[in-house]
């Protein structure tokens, strides 16, 4: 029971597409993914239970996931360190304004 990936092809096409579905409720949700691999990577990247995310927020997260993937992956640790460095930089700038 949980989130699974359903893979198929549009009629007349050999292009693979994938969607996420809940095996408990047999409900499909979210946008199409280019492949089962992309859907799987998205689930690994995402924090939390994808079934609890509102549709519009899920679309936003898929967009961010694809943008990060195109721009080169960063680990969560790299992202956390960059965010902390930005906070320190802003504090230094604020102290300079005093």
Protein backbone atom coordinates (compact mmCIF):
# COMPACT_ATOMS: atom_id res chain seq x y z
CA UNK A 1 0.00 0.00 0.00
CA UNK A 2 1.28 3.45 -0.83
CA UNK A 3 2.40 5.48 -3.80
CA UNK A 4 3.22 3.56 -6.96
CA UNK A 5 4.24 4.50 -10.49
CA UNK A 6 2.01 3.53 -13.41
CA UNK A 7 3.74 3.46 -16.81
CA UNK A 8 2.06 3.49 -20.19
CA UNK A 9 2.06 4.86 -23.71
CA UNK A 10 -0.34 7.24 -25.39
CA UNK A 11 -2.28 5.59 -28.22
CA UNK A 12 -0.13 5.32 -31.32
CA UNK A 13 3.01 6.41 -29.51
CA UNK A 14 6.06 4.54 -28.26
CA UNK A 15 6.95 7.41 -25.91
CA UNK A 16 6.80 6.23 -22.28
CA UNK A 17 4.85 8.30 -19.79
CA UNK A 18 4.27 7.71 -16.10
CA UNK A 19 1.86 8.88 -13.43
CA UNK A 20 1.73 8.45 -9.69
CA UNK A 21 -1.10 6.55 -8.05
CA UNK A 22 -2.18 5.53 -4.58
CA UNK A 23 -2.44 1.76 -4.33
CA UNK A 24 -4.74 2.08 -1.30
CA UNK A 25 -7.41 4.16 -3.03
CA UNK A 26 -6.59 3.42 -6.70
CA UNK A 27 -6.39 7.17 -7.29
CA UNK A 28 -4.09 8.70 -9.91
CA UNK A 29 -2.66 12.14 -9.12
CA UNK A 30 -0.12 14.69 -10.29
CA UNK A 31 1.20 15.53 -13.74
CA UNK A 32 2.58 13.17 -16.36
CA UNK A 33 6.25 12.28 -16.03
CA UNK A 34 8.49 11.60 -19.02
CA UNK A 35 9.38 8.15 -17.69
CA UNK A 36 9.16 5.85 -14.71
CA UNK A 37 12.72 6.92 -13.90
CA UNK A 38 11.73 10.60 -13.69
CA UNK A 39 8.73 9.75 -11.49
CA UNK A 40 10.93 7.66 -9.20
CA UNK A 41 13.55 10.39 -8.92
CA UNK A 42 10.82 12.88 -8.08
CA UNK A 43 9.54 10.67 -5.26
CA UNK A 44 13.09 10.36 -3.88
CA UNK A 45 13.58 14.14 -4.12
CA UNK A 46 10.25 15.02 -2.52
CA UNK A 47 9.94 15.35 1.21
CA UNK A 48 6.81 13.92 2.76
CA UNK A 49 3.83 11.98 1.51
CA UNK A 50 2.99 13.08 -2.02
CA UNK A 51 -0.65 12.10 -1.47
CA UNK A 52 -1.07 14.85 1.13
CA UNK A 53 0.00 17.68 -1.22
CA UNK A 54 -2.66 19.85 -2.86
CA UNK A 55 -2.70 19.56 -6.69
CA UNK A 56 -1.47 23.12 -7.34
CA UNK A 57 1.36 22.69 -4.81
CA UNK A 58 2.27 19.34 -6.35
CA UNK A 59 2.57 21.01 -9.77
CA UNK A 60 4.86 23.65 -8.24
CA UNK A 61 7.07 21.01 -6.66
CA UNK A 62 7.32 19.04 -9.92
CA UNK A 63 8.34 22.28 -11.67
CA UNK A 64 11.04 22.95 -9.03
CA UNK A 65 12.24 19.35 -9.26
CA UNK A 66 12.59 19.60 -13.04
CA UNK A 67 14.35 22.97 -12.81
CA UNK A 68 16.85 21.63 -10.26
CA UNK A 69 17.42 18.56 -12.40
CA UNK A 70 18.11 20.68 -15.48
CA UNK A 71 20.43 23.01 -13.59
CA UNK A 72 22.42 20.24 -11.97
CA UNK A 73 21.51 18.36 -8.87
CA UNK A 74 22.37 19.65 -5.45
CA UNK A 75 22.17 17.46 -2.42
CA UNK A 76 19.91 18.53 0.40
CA UNK A 77 23.05 19.15 2.46
CA UNK A 78 24.47 21.48 -0.23
CA UNK A 79 21.17 23.34 -0.34
CA UNK A 80 21.06 23.62 3.47
CA UNK A 81 24.64 24.95 3.58
CA UNK A 82 23.88 27.51 0.87
CA UNK A 83 20.80 28.68 2.78
CA UNK A 84 22.81 29.01 6.00
CA UNK A 85 25.55 30.94 4.18
CA UNK A 86 22.92 33.30 2.77
CA UNK A 87 21.52 33.92 6.27
CA UNK A 88 25.00 34.73 7.59
CA UNK A 89 25.65 37.03 4.61
CA UNK A 90 22.40 38.91 5.24
CA UNK A 91 23.23 39.28 8.96
CA UNK A 92 26.66 40.72 8.06
CA UNK A 93 25.05 43.15 5.62
CA UNK A 94 22.51 44.22 8.27
CA UNK A 95 25.26 44.80 10.84
CA UNK A 96 27.03 47.00 8.32
CA UNK A 97 23.92 49.19 8.04
CA UNK A 98 23.92 49.94 11.78
